[in-house]
N, C-alpha and C. Protein backbone atom coordinates (compact mmCIF):
# COMPACT_ATOMS: atom_id res chain seq x y z
N MET A 1 67.93 -101.25 -144.32
CA MET A 1 67.08 -100.37 -143.20
C MET A 1 67.93 -99.82 -142.32
N GLU A 2 67.29 -98.29 -142.23
CA GLU A 2 68.42 -97.28 -141.26
C GLU A 2 67.21 -97.41 -139.84
N ALA A 3 68.28 -96.91 -139.19
CA ALA A 3 68.37 -97.02 -137.87
C ALA A 3 67.04 -95.94 -137.68
N TRP A 4 66.28 -96.05 -136.75
CA TRP A 4 65.40 -95.27 -136.30
C TRP A 4 66.20 -94.07 -135.49
N ASN A 5 67.45 -94.10 -134.95
CA ASN A 5 67.72 -93.05 -134.10
C ASN A 5 68.81 -92.33 -135.05
N LYS A 6 68.94 -92.97 -136.60
CA LYS A 6 70.09 -92.34 -136.69
C LYS A 6 70.14 -90.88 -137.41
N GLY A 7 70.88 -89.95 -136.98
CA GLY A 7 71.25 -88.45 -136.68
C GLY A 7 70.15 -87.75 -135.90
N LYS A 8 69.66 -88.57 -134.78
CA LYS A 8 68.78 -88.07 -133.68
C LYS A 8 70.05 -87.95 -132.49
N ARG A 9 70.21 -87.43 -131.78
CA ARG A 9 70.72 -86.94 -130.22
C ARG A 9 69.68 -87.70 -129.20
N VAL A 10 69.93 -88.86 -128.86
CA VAL A 10 69.30 -89.71 -128.15
C VAL A 10 69.82 -89.70 -126.61
N GLY A 11 69.25 -89.22 -125.72
CA GLY A 11 69.76 -89.31 -124.39
C GLY A 11 69.71 -90.64 -123.52
N GLN A 12 70.56 -90.73 -122.40
CA GLN A 12 70.83 -91.93 -122.03
C GLN A 12 69.32 -92.47 -120.91
N LYS A 13 68.95 -93.47 -120.70
CA LYS A 13 67.79 -94.08 -120.28
C LYS A 13 68.51 -94.07 -119.00
N LYS A 14 67.33 -94.25 -118.16
CA LYS A 14 67.61 -94.10 -116.50
C LYS A 14 68.16 -95.25 -115.88
N VAL A 15 68.74 -95.46 -114.87
CA VAL A 15 69.24 -97.14 -114.22
C VAL A 15 68.60 -97.15 -113.16
N PHE A 16 68.29 -98.37 -112.89
CA PHE A 16 67.36 -98.97 -112.03
C PHE A 16 67.86 -98.87 -110.73
N LYS A 17 66.97 -98.25 -109.64
CA LYS A 17 67.65 -98.52 -108.25
C LYS A 17 67.29 -99.64 -107.92
N LEU A 18 68.07 -99.97 -106.64
CA LEU A 18 68.19 -101.07 -106.27
C LEU A 18 66.51 -101.56 -105.20
N GLU A 19 65.87 -100.66 -105.27
CA GLU A 19 64.50 -101.19 -104.47
C GLU A 19 63.54 -101.54 -106.11
N ASP A 20 63.80 -100.78 -107.19
CA ASP A 20 63.36 -101.13 -108.67
C ASP A 20 63.57 -102.72 -108.72
N ILE A 21 64.54 -102.96 -108.61
CA ILE A 21 65.27 -104.32 -109.13
C ILE A 21 64.44 -105.28 -108.31
N TRP A 22 64.37 -104.82 -107.24
CA TRP A 22 63.53 -105.86 -106.39
C TRP A 22 62.67 -106.09 -106.58
N ARG A 23 61.75 -104.71 -106.78
CA ARG A 23 60.26 -104.52 -107.09
C ARG A 23 59.94 -105.99 -108.31
N ILE A 24 60.54 -105.66 -109.24
CA ILE A 24 60.82 -106.46 -110.35
C ILE A 24 60.93 -108.18 -109.94
N ARG A 25 61.97 -108.35 -109.77
CA ARG A 25 62.13 -109.68 -109.20
C ARG A 25 61.31 -110.64 -108.08
N ILE A 26 60.91 -109.72 -107.35
CA ILE A 26 59.66 -110.26 -106.63
C ILE A 26 58.41 -110.97 -107.33
N ARG A 27 57.93 -109.58 -108.24
CA ARG A 27 56.95 -109.65 -109.37
C ARG A 27 56.88 -111.06 -110.25
N LEU A 28 58.17 -111.20 -110.47
CA LEU A 28 58.80 -112.33 -111.61
C LEU A 28 58.08 -113.57 -110.65
N GLU A 29 59.07 -113.63 -109.65
CA GLU A 29 59.07 -114.60 -108.99
C GLU A 29 57.53 -115.13 -108.51
N LEU A 30 56.54 -113.95 -107.76
CA LEU A 30 55.32 -114.98 -107.54
C LEU A 30 54.29 -114.96 -108.57
N GLU A 31 54.62 -114.63 -109.39
CA GLU A 31 54.06 -114.68 -110.96
C GLU A 31 54.28 -115.81 -111.41
N GLU A 32 55.67 -116.54 -111.29
CA GLU A 32 56.23 -117.66 -111.66
C GLU A 32 56.50 -117.66 -113.06
N ARG A 33 57.22 -116.95 -113.34
CA ARG A 33 57.51 -116.17 -114.89
C ARG A 33 59.19 -116.28 -115.17
N LEU A 34 59.39 -117.68 -114.92
CA LEU A 34 61.26 -118.01 -114.81
C LEU A 34 61.63 -117.36 -116.00
N PHE A 35 61.09 -117.94 -117.33
CA PHE A 35 61.83 -117.14 -118.28
C PHE A 35 62.35 -115.65 -118.33
N GLU A 36 61.19 -115.00 -117.59
CA GLU A 36 61.75 -113.31 -117.62
C GLU A 36 62.58 -113.15 -116.24
N LEU A 37 62.25 -113.86 -115.01
CA LEU A 37 63.10 -113.91 -114.31
C LEU A 37 64.58 -114.09 -114.38
N ALA A 38 65.22 -115.20 -114.77
CA ALA A 38 66.30 -115.65 -115.58
C ALA A 38 66.79 -114.49 -116.57
N LEU A 39 66.14 -113.82 -117.51
CA LEU A 39 66.40 -113.27 -118.44
C LEU A 39 66.69 -111.62 -117.52
N PHE A 40 65.98 -111.53 -116.31
CA PHE A 40 66.10 -110.10 -115.94
C PHE A 40 67.46 -110.48 -114.90
N ASN A 41 67.44 -111.31 -114.28
CA ASN A 41 68.73 -111.48 -113.25
C ASN A 41 69.77 -111.14 -114.45
N LEU A 42 69.89 -111.97 -115.17
CA LEU A 42 71.47 -111.98 -116.19
C LEU A 42 71.77 -110.76 -116.75
N ALA A 43 70.19 -110.14 -117.35
CA ALA A 43 70.83 -109.02 -117.95
C ALA A 43 71.31 -107.90 -116.72
N ILE A 44 70.65 -107.98 -115.91
CA ILE A 44 71.25 -107.04 -114.49
C ILE A 44 72.53 -107.12 -114.23
N ASP A 45 72.97 -108.70 -114.09
CA ASP A 45 74.26 -108.90 -113.35
C ASP A 45 75.39 -108.85 -114.78
N CYS A 46 75.10 -109.74 -116.01
CA CYS A 46 76.24 -109.73 -116.96
C CYS A 46 76.85 -108.39 -117.68
N LYS A 47 75.91 -107.17 -117.48
CA LYS A 47 76.27 -106.20 -117.99
C LYS A 47 76.59 -106.00 -119.75
N LEU A 48 76.06 -106.76 -120.18
CA LEU A 48 76.11 -106.86 -121.51
C LEU A 48 74.86 -106.24 -122.48
N ARG A 49 75.27 -105.46 -123.57
CA ARG A 49 74.81 -104.75 -124.33
C ARG A 49 73.26 -106.12 -125.03
N SER A 50 72.55 -105.45 -125.13
CA SER A 50 71.33 -106.32 -125.29
C SER A 50 71.29 -107.44 -126.26
N CYS A 51 72.03 -106.81 -127.51
CA CYS A 51 72.10 -107.83 -128.96
C CYS A 51 73.28 -109.21 -128.23
N ASP A 52 73.84 -109.10 -127.28
CA ASP A 52 74.87 -109.66 -127.04
C ASP A 52 74.14 -110.70 -125.88
N LEU A 53 73.48 -109.90 -124.96
CA LEU A 53 72.95 -111.00 -124.10
C LEU A 53 71.53 -111.72 -124.92
N ARG A 54 70.81 -111.14 -126.00
CA ARG A 54 69.95 -111.83 -126.78
C ARG A 54 70.45 -113.39 -127.41
N ASN A 55 72.07 -113.07 -127.95
CA ASN A 55 72.79 -114.19 -128.65
C ASN A 55 73.21 -115.11 -127.87
N LEU A 56 73.08 -115.20 -126.55
CA LEU A 56 73.98 -116.11 -125.72
C LEU A 56 73.21 -117.50 -125.93
N LYS A 57 74.21 -118.53 -125.80
CA LYS A 57 73.98 -119.71 -126.23
C LYS A 57 73.98 -120.60 -124.57
N VAL A 58 73.52 -121.67 -124.28
CA VAL A 58 73.91 -122.08 -123.13
C VAL A 58 74.93 -122.61 -122.80
N GLN A 59 75.50 -122.98 -123.94
CA GLN A 59 77.33 -123.06 -123.55
C GLN A 59 77.84 -122.34 -123.14
N ASP A 60 77.44 -120.72 -123.54
CA ASP A 60 78.32 -119.91 -122.96
C ASP A 60 78.11 -119.53 -121.04
N VAL A 61 77.26 -119.91 -121.09
CA VAL A 61 76.96 -119.88 -119.06
C VAL A 61 77.01 -121.21 -118.39
N SER A 62 76.64 -122.24 -118.87
CA SER A 62 76.39 -123.76 -118.38
C SER A 62 77.88 -125.04 -118.89
N ARG A 63 78.46 -125.68 -118.10
CA ARG A 63 79.10 -126.68 -118.46
C ARG A 63 78.17 -127.94 -117.78
N SER A 64 77.83 -128.99 -118.58
CA SER A 64 77.75 -130.20 -117.77
C SER A 64 76.27 -130.18 -116.91
N GLY A 65 75.62 -129.08 -117.07
CA GLY A 65 74.43 -128.92 -116.23
C GLY A 65 74.59 -127.99 -115.28
N TYR A 66 75.58 -127.39 -115.40
CA TYR A 66 75.69 -126.52 -113.87
C TYR A 66 76.13 -125.20 -114.72
N VAL A 67 75.69 -124.31 -114.00
CA VAL A 67 75.84 -122.54 -114.60
C VAL A 67 77.01 -122.29 -114.11
N MET A 68 78.25 -121.85 -114.67
CA MET A 68 79.22 -121.66 -113.97
C MET A 68 79.32 -120.31 -113.63
N PRO A 69 80.17 -120.53 -112.39
CA PRO A 69 79.82 -118.92 -111.63
C PRO A 69 80.73 -117.91 -112.05
N ARG A 70 81.22 -118.08 -112.76
CA ARG A 70 82.51 -116.66 -113.21
C ARG A 70 82.15 -116.95 -114.77
N THR A 71 81.67 -116.81 -115.52
CA THR A 71 82.06 -116.30 -116.72
C THR A 71 81.14 -115.06 -117.24
N ILE A 72 79.94 -114.91 -117.28
CA ILE A 72 79.13 -113.34 -117.54
C ILE A 72 78.52 -113.21 -115.94
N VAL A 73 78.04 -114.22 -115.50
CA VAL A 73 77.32 -114.20 -114.48
C VAL A 73 78.37 -114.40 -113.11
N LYS A 74 77.97 -113.73 -112.08
CA LYS A 74 78.56 -114.00 -110.78
C LYS A 74 77.46 -114.56 -109.43
N GLN A 75 76.31 -113.71 -109.73
CA GLN A 75 75.69 -113.49 -108.60
C GLN A 75 74.55 -115.18 -108.37
N GLN A 76 74.47 -115.86 -106.97
CA GLN A 76 74.53 -117.15 -107.11
C GLN A 76 72.41 -117.15 -107.32
N LYS A 77 72.00 -116.16 -107.35
CA LYS A 77 70.41 -116.13 -107.21
C LYS A 77 70.14 -116.08 -108.96
N THR A 78 71.01 -115.47 -109.68
CA THR A 78 70.89 -115.84 -111.23
C THR A 78 71.66 -117.05 -111.74
N GLN A 79 72.63 -117.79 -111.05
CA GLN A 79 73.03 -118.85 -111.26
C GLN A 79 71.56 -120.34 -110.80
N GLN A 80 71.18 -119.97 -109.97
CA GLN A 80 69.99 -120.68 -109.50
C GLN A 80 68.70 -120.42 -110.75
N THR A 81 68.45 -119.36 -110.97
CA THR A 81 67.49 -119.22 -111.98
C THR A 81 67.75 -119.52 -113.12
N LEU A 82 69.07 -119.28 -113.69
CA LEU A 82 69.43 -119.63 -115.00
C LEU A 82 69.51 -121.61 -114.86
N SER A 83 69.45 -122.17 -113.64
CA SER A 83 69.73 -123.65 -113.82
C SER A 83 68.27 -123.83 -114.10
N GLN A 84 67.44 -123.24 -113.12
CA GLN A 84 66.36 -123.94 -113.51
C GLN A 84 65.77 -123.78 -115.01
N TRP A 85 65.93 -122.58 -115.30
CA TRP A 85 65.47 -122.03 -116.68
C TRP A 85 66.01 -123.63 -117.75
N ILE A 86 67.16 -123.10 -117.54
CA ILE A 86 67.99 -124.17 -118.50
C ILE A 86 67.29 -125.44 -118.27
N ILE A 87 67.34 -126.37 -117.15
CA ILE A 87 66.69 -127.96 -116.70
C ILE A 87 65.14 -127.68 -117.33
N LYS A 88 64.50 -126.88 -116.77
CA LYS A 88 62.78 -126.75 -116.84
C LYS A 88 62.42 -127.06 -118.63
N ASN A 89 63.59 -126.46 -119.30
CA ASN A 89 63.55 -126.56 -120.85
C ASN A 89 64.18 -127.13 -121.81
N ALA A 90 64.52 -128.13 -121.10
CA ALA A 90 65.82 -129.03 -121.47
C ALA A 90 66.85 -128.35 -122.93
N LEU A 91 67.18 -127.13 -122.44
CA LEU A 91 68.21 -126.72 -123.53
C LEU A 91 69.16 -127.23 -123.57
N ALA A 92 69.96 -127.46 -124.91
CA ALA A 92 70.87 -128.12 -124.95
C ALA A 92 71.77 -127.26 -125.29
N PRO A 93 73.48 -127.65 -124.74
CA PRO A 93 74.50 -126.53 -124.78
C PRO A 93 74.43 -125.62 -125.96
N THR A 94 74.30 -126.09 -127.42
CA THR A 94 74.16 -125.27 -128.69
C THR A 94 72.97 -124.16 -128.75
N ASP A 95 71.78 -124.66 -127.98
CA ASP A 95 70.44 -123.83 -127.91
C ASP A 95 70.95 -122.13 -127.49
N PHE A 96 70.21 -121.74 -128.26
CA PHE A 96 70.36 -119.90 -127.09
C PHE A 96 69.24 -120.07 -126.24
N LEU A 97 70.13 -119.32 -124.97
CA LEU A 97 69.82 -119.42 -123.71
C LEU A 97 68.00 -118.69 -123.74
N PHE A 98 67.87 -117.63 -124.48
CA PHE A 98 66.64 -117.24 -124.35
C PHE A 98 65.92 -117.30 -125.99
N PRO A 99 65.65 -118.32 -126.50
CA PRO A 99 64.89 -118.61 -127.37
C PRO A 99 63.93 -118.25 -127.92
N SER A 100 63.49 -117.69 -129.30
CA SER A 100 62.30 -117.02 -129.82
C SER A 100 61.27 -118.17 -129.67
N SER A 101 59.83 -117.48 -129.53
CA SER A 101 59.11 -118.67 -129.19
C SER A 101 58.48 -118.40 -130.49
N ARG A 102 58.74 -117.52 -131.63
CA ARG A 102 57.91 -117.65 -132.65
C ARG A 102 58.91 -118.24 -133.67
N ARG A 103 60.23 -117.73 -133.69
CA ARG A 103 60.84 -118.36 -134.62
C ARG A 103 62.00 -119.55 -134.37
N GLU A 104 61.84 -120.81 -134.48
CA GLU A 104 62.31 -121.90 -133.99
C GLU A 104 64.17 -121.84 -134.70
N GLY A 105 64.84 -122.17 -133.58
CA GLY A 105 66.29 -121.95 -133.54
C GLY A 105 67.10 -120.61 -133.72
N GLN A 106 65.99 -119.48 -133.45
CA GLN A 106 66.89 -117.95 -132.86
C GLN A 106 66.45 -117.60 -132.16
N PRO A 107 66.82 -116.73 -131.51
CA PRO A 107 67.00 -116.05 -129.94
C PRO A 107 65.68 -114.96 -130.21
N ILE A 108 65.51 -114.53 -129.06
CA ILE A 108 64.62 -113.64 -128.66
C ILE A 108 64.96 -112.07 -129.71
N SER A 109 63.76 -111.57 -129.82
CA SER A 109 64.75 -110.43 -130.53
C SER A 109 63.81 -109.07 -129.73
N HIS A 110 63.16 -108.16 -130.65
CA HIS A 110 62.88 -107.41 -130.22
C HIS A 110 61.77 -107.50 -129.16
N TYR A 111 61.37 -108.58 -128.93
CA TYR A 111 60.56 -108.91 -127.98
C TYR A 111 61.06 -108.71 -126.77
N TYR A 112 62.84 -108.88 -126.40
CA TYR A 112 63.09 -108.48 -125.38
C TYR A 112 62.65 -106.79 -124.61
N THR A 113 62.48 -106.12 -125.77
CA THR A 113 62.15 -104.51 -125.43
C THR A 113 60.54 -104.68 -124.81
N THR A 114 59.88 -105.38 -125.56
CA THR A 114 58.64 -105.63 -125.09
C THR A 114 58.53 -105.77 -123.55
N ILE A 115 59.28 -107.05 -123.38
CA ILE A 115 59.28 -107.78 -122.07
C ILE A 115 59.85 -106.68 -120.84
N VAL A 116 61.03 -105.80 -121.05
CA VAL A 116 61.44 -104.77 -120.49
C VAL A 116 60.41 -103.47 -119.85
N ASN A 117 59.92 -103.33 -120.95
CA ASN A 117 58.61 -102.07 -121.38
C ASN A 117 57.77 -102.58 -120.02
N ARG A 118 57.24 -104.08 -120.13
CA ARG A 118 56.61 -104.21 -119.14
C ARG A 118 56.86 -104.67 -118.05
N TRP A 119 58.13 -104.96 -117.60
CA TRP A 119 58.62 -104.98 -116.40
C TRP A 119 58.45 -103.76 -115.65
N VAL A 120 59.02 -102.16 -116.36
CA VAL A 120 58.99 -101.15 -115.98
C VAL A 120 57.70 -100.28 -115.63
N THR A 121 57.02 -101.21 -116.30
CA THR A 121 54.97 -100.24 -116.21
C THR A 121 54.61 -101.06 -115.27
N ASP A 122 55.11 -102.71 -114.55
CA ASP A 122 54.54 -103.56 -113.78
C ASP A 122 54.80 -102.55 -112.67
N ILE A 123 55.67 -102.02 -112.35
CA ILE A 123 56.28 -101.45 -111.02
C ILE A 123 55.97 -99.59 -111.12
N GLY A 124 55.13 -99.74 -111.74
CA GLY A 124 54.67 -98.16 -112.04
C GLY A 124 55.82 -96.88 -112.53
N LEU A 125 56.51 -97.21 -113.35
CA LEU A 125 57.87 -96.48 -113.95
C LEU A 125 57.39 -96.09 -115.41
N ASP A 126 57.83 -94.95 -115.66
CA ASP A 126 57.64 -94.63 -116.89
C ASP A 126 58.95 -95.11 -117.89
N LYS A 127 58.09 -95.76 -118.93
CA LYS A 127 58.50 -96.69 -120.26
C LYS A 127 59.62 -95.76 -120.90
N THR A 128 59.32 -94.76 -120.99
CA THR A 128 59.85 -94.06 -121.79
C THR A 128 61.28 -93.46 -121.52
N GLN A 129 61.74 -93.72 -119.96
CA GLN A 129 62.81 -93.58 -119.38
C GLN A 129 63.67 -94.85 -118.95
N TYR A 130 63.19 -95.71 -119.33
CA TYR A 130 64.38 -97.11 -119.01
C TYR A 130 64.06 -97.84 -120.61
N GLY A 131 64.93 -98.77 -120.65
CA GLY A 131 65.05 -99.55 -121.86
C GLY A 131 65.92 -100.52 -121.68
N THR A 132 66.27 -101.55 -122.82
CA THR A 132 67.15 -102.61 -122.54
C THR A 132 68.89 -101.82 -121.81
N HIS A 133 68.94 -101.01 -122.42
CA HIS A 133 70.15 -100.59 -121.92
C HIS A 133 70.21 -100.24 -120.63
N SER A 134 69.46 -99.63 -120.14
CA SER A 134 69.03 -99.51 -118.57
C SER A 134 69.44 -100.60 -117.69
N LEU A 135 69.43 -101.56 -118.06
CA LEU A 135 69.72 -102.78 -117.42
C LEU A 135 71.29 -103.24 -117.29
N ARG A 136 72.20 -102.81 -118.49
CA ARG A 136 73.31 -102.89 -118.41
C ARG A 136 73.98 -101.90 -117.69
N ARG A 137 73.54 -100.53 -117.75
CA ARG A 137 74.17 -99.42 -117.08
C ARG A 137 73.88 -99.65 -115.30
N THR A 138 72.79 -100.47 -114.95
CA THR A 138 72.22 -100.20 -113.57
C THR A 138 73.65 -100.95 -112.58
N LYS A 139 74.02 -102.17 -112.80
CA LYS A 139 75.11 -102.97 -112.47
C LYS A 139 76.45 -101.78 -112.20
N ALA A 140 76.83 -101.40 -113.10
CA ALA A 140 78.09 -100.58 -113.33
C ALA A 140 77.69 -99.34 -112.51
N SER A 141 76.51 -98.79 -112.41
CA SER A 141 76.22 -97.55 -111.82
C SER A 141 76.32 -97.91 -110.07
N LEU A 142 75.84 -99.02 -109.78
CA LEU A 142 75.79 -99.48 -108.48
C LEU A 142 77.31 -99.92 -107.89
N ILE A 143 78.00 -100.29 -109.03
CA ILE A 143 79.48 -100.48 -108.84
C ILE A 143 80.08 -99.66 -108.28
N TYR A 144 79.94 -98.35 -109.09
CA TYR A 144 80.81 -96.76 -108.96
C TYR A 144 80.52 -95.87 -107.56
N ALA A 145 78.99 -96.11 -107.71
CA ALA A 145 78.53 -95.26 -106.11
C ALA A 145 79.16 -96.10 -105.34
N LYS A 146 79.06 -97.70 -104.93
CA LYS A 146 79.85 -98.27 -104.01
C LYS A 146 81.08 -98.10 -103.73
N THR A 147 81.82 -97.94 -105.24
CA THR A 147 83.62 -97.95 -104.99
C THR A 147 84.10 -97.28 -105.56
N LYS A 148 83.31 -96.27 -106.71
CA LYS A 148 84.43 -95.22 -107.05
C LYS A 148 85.24 -95.79 -108.09
N ASN A 149 85.43 -97.30 -108.14
CA ASN A 149 86.32 -97.42 -109.17
C ASN A 149 85.93 -97.32 -110.64
N LEU A 150 86.56 -96.39 -111.22
CA LEU A 150 86.21 -96.46 -112.49
C LEU A 150 87.17 -97.33 -113.45
N ARG A 151 88.00 -97.80 -113.35
CA ARG A 151 89.06 -98.51 -114.51
C ARG A 151 88.32 -99.82 -114.16
N ALA A 152 88.10 -100.41 -112.67
CA ALA A 152 87.22 -101.51 -112.69
C ALA A 152 85.65 -101.80 -113.77
N ILE A 153 85.40 -100.73 -113.63
CA ILE A 153 83.72 -100.38 -114.41
C ILE A 153 84.23 -100.46 -115.96
N GLN A 154 84.75 -99.95 -116.00
CA GLN A 154 85.98 -99.49 -117.38
C GLN A 154 86.10 -100.89 -118.24
N LEU A 155 87.10 -101.99 -117.45
CA LEU A 155 87.20 -103.56 -117.51
C LEU A 155 85.48 -104.01 -117.77
N LEU A 156 84.67 -104.35 -117.01
CA LEU A 156 83.30 -105.07 -116.91
C LEU A 156 82.58 -104.53 -117.98
N LEU A 157 82.63 -103.27 -118.48
CA LEU A 157 81.90 -103.10 -119.67
C LEU A 157 82.63 -103.03 -121.12
N GLY A 158 83.89 -103.41 -120.58
CA GLY A 158 84.51 -103.04 -121.88
C GLY A 158 84.91 -102.62 -122.95
N HIS A 159 85.01 -101.06 -122.11
CA HIS A 159 85.13 -99.75 -122.91
C HIS A 159 86.74 -99.69 -123.20
N ALA A 160 86.79 -99.05 -124.49
CA ALA A 160 88.53 -98.78 -124.23
C ALA A 160 89.24 -97.76 -124.00
N LYS A 161 87.75 -97.21 -123.87
CA LYS A 161 88.40 -95.44 -123.35
C LYS A 161 88.00 -94.92 -121.70
N LEU A 162 88.94 -94.77 -120.86
CA LEU A 162 88.33 -94.07 -119.76
C LEU A 162 87.25 -93.40 -119.97
N GLU A 163 87.69 -92.00 -120.96
CA GLU A 163 86.57 -91.25 -121.00
C GLU A 163 84.87 -91.64 -121.16
N SER A 164 84.95 -92.81 -121.86
CA SER A 164 84.00 -93.56 -122.60
C SER A 164 82.81 -93.60 -121.06
N THR A 165 83.93 -94.38 -120.43
CA THR A 165 83.00 -94.77 -119.10
C THR A 165 82.86 -93.96 -118.37
N ILE A 166 83.20 -92.76 -118.04
CA ILE A 166 82.88 -91.31 -117.58
C ILE A 166 81.74 -91.05 -117.92
N GLU A 167 81.42 -90.98 -119.13
CA GLU A 167 79.95 -90.29 -120.32
C GLU A 167 79.45 -91.05 -119.59
N TYR A 168 79.38 -92.36 -120.10
CA TYR A 168 78.69 -93.59 -119.48
C TYR A 168 78.00 -93.55 -118.49
N LEU A 169 78.86 -93.37 -117.32
CA LEU A 169 78.35 -93.35 -116.05
C LEU A 169 77.37 -92.37 -115.75
N GLY A 170 77.79 -90.87 -116.50
CA GLY A 170 77.28 -89.70 -116.36
C GLY A 170 78.34 -88.87 -115.36
N VAL A 171 79.42 -89.20 -115.24
CA VAL A 171 80.39 -88.79 -114.09
C VAL A 171 80.86 -87.48 -114.08
N GLU A 172 80.52 -86.31 -113.33
CA GLU A 172 81.31 -85.36 -113.68
C GLU A 172 82.48 -85.17 -113.65
N ILE A 173 83.36 -84.91 -114.49
CA ILE A 173 84.98 -84.56 -114.58
C ILE A 173 85.71 -84.42 -113.68
N GLU A 174 85.11 -83.25 -112.80
CA GLU A 174 85.72 -82.98 -111.51
C GLU A 174 85.71 -84.27 -110.77
N ASP A 175 84.48 -84.66 -110.43
CA ASP A 175 84.83 -86.04 -109.62
C ASP A 175 85.65 -86.96 -110.15
N ALA A 176 85.63 -87.59 -111.05
CA ALA A 176 86.21 -88.20 -112.00
C ALA A 176 88.13 -87.72 -111.62
N LEU A 177 88.09 -87.05 -111.92
CA LEU A 177 89.66 -85.91 -111.67
C LEU A 177 89.95 -86.52 -109.97
N ARG A 178 89.27 -86.18 -109.28
CA ARG A 178 89.32 -86.05 -108.10
C ARG A 178 89.38 -87.19 -107.42
N ILE A 179 88.74 -88.50 -108.10
CA ILE A 179 89.18 -89.79 -107.90
C ILE A 179 90.28 -90.39 -108.26
N SER A 180 90.81 -89.98 -109.59
CA SER A 180 91.87 -90.61 -110.15
C SER A 180 93.28 -89.62 -109.34
N GLU A 181 93.09 -88.92 -108.82
CA GLU A 181 94.21 -88.17 -107.91
C GLU A 181 94.49 -89.19 -106.62
N ASN A 182 92.98 -89.25 -106.06
CA ASN A 182 93.46 -90.07 -105.02
C ASN A 182 93.66 -91.28 -105.10
N CYS A 183 93.93 -91.93 -105.99
CA CYS A 183 94.85 -93.11 -106.26
C CYS A 183 95.65 -93.01 -106.29
N GLU A 184 96.27 -94.12 -105.82
CA GLU A 184 98.10 -94.35 -105.88
C GLU A 184 98.50 -95.34 -107.03
N THR A 185 99.27 -94.79 -107.65
CA THR A 185 99.80 -95.41 -108.90
C THR A 185 101.18 -95.67 -108.87
């Protein structure tokens, strides 16, 4: 099966602003959509590609019933939400963290894209401007805006080349060179 975007130049999707993140979180909390809240919080915090996020198992984030503070997640709110999700659904360590509701023993698949589109439209944003990859890019962009530390972001995203991180964040080369020159080595 050929990829839908093969041979096409596809632009980057936008990142979420802090206010967008909180609008989505609050909506999910008020509507008691625990599955989606756990998925959203983890997606923002972990900076994983959607294919990697969808394939996470409980044992990747939890040991002996406790969500680990430093594996893929760091934020306390994410830990609490994940703990609630795992306990409520009695998920075993080898279960997928976000299982498919249609195919037993399988992770959610492209339904993740549907969920993200719903989050975006629920808060009045244009779903053509945001996607699952927006979640991966959001925290990296927020970290960059606060610290200007390209190397840290490169490590967090797992990029082999700093140039990839610069392009990924949409950093202008002059800005990147200025930051690099101001860093002591």
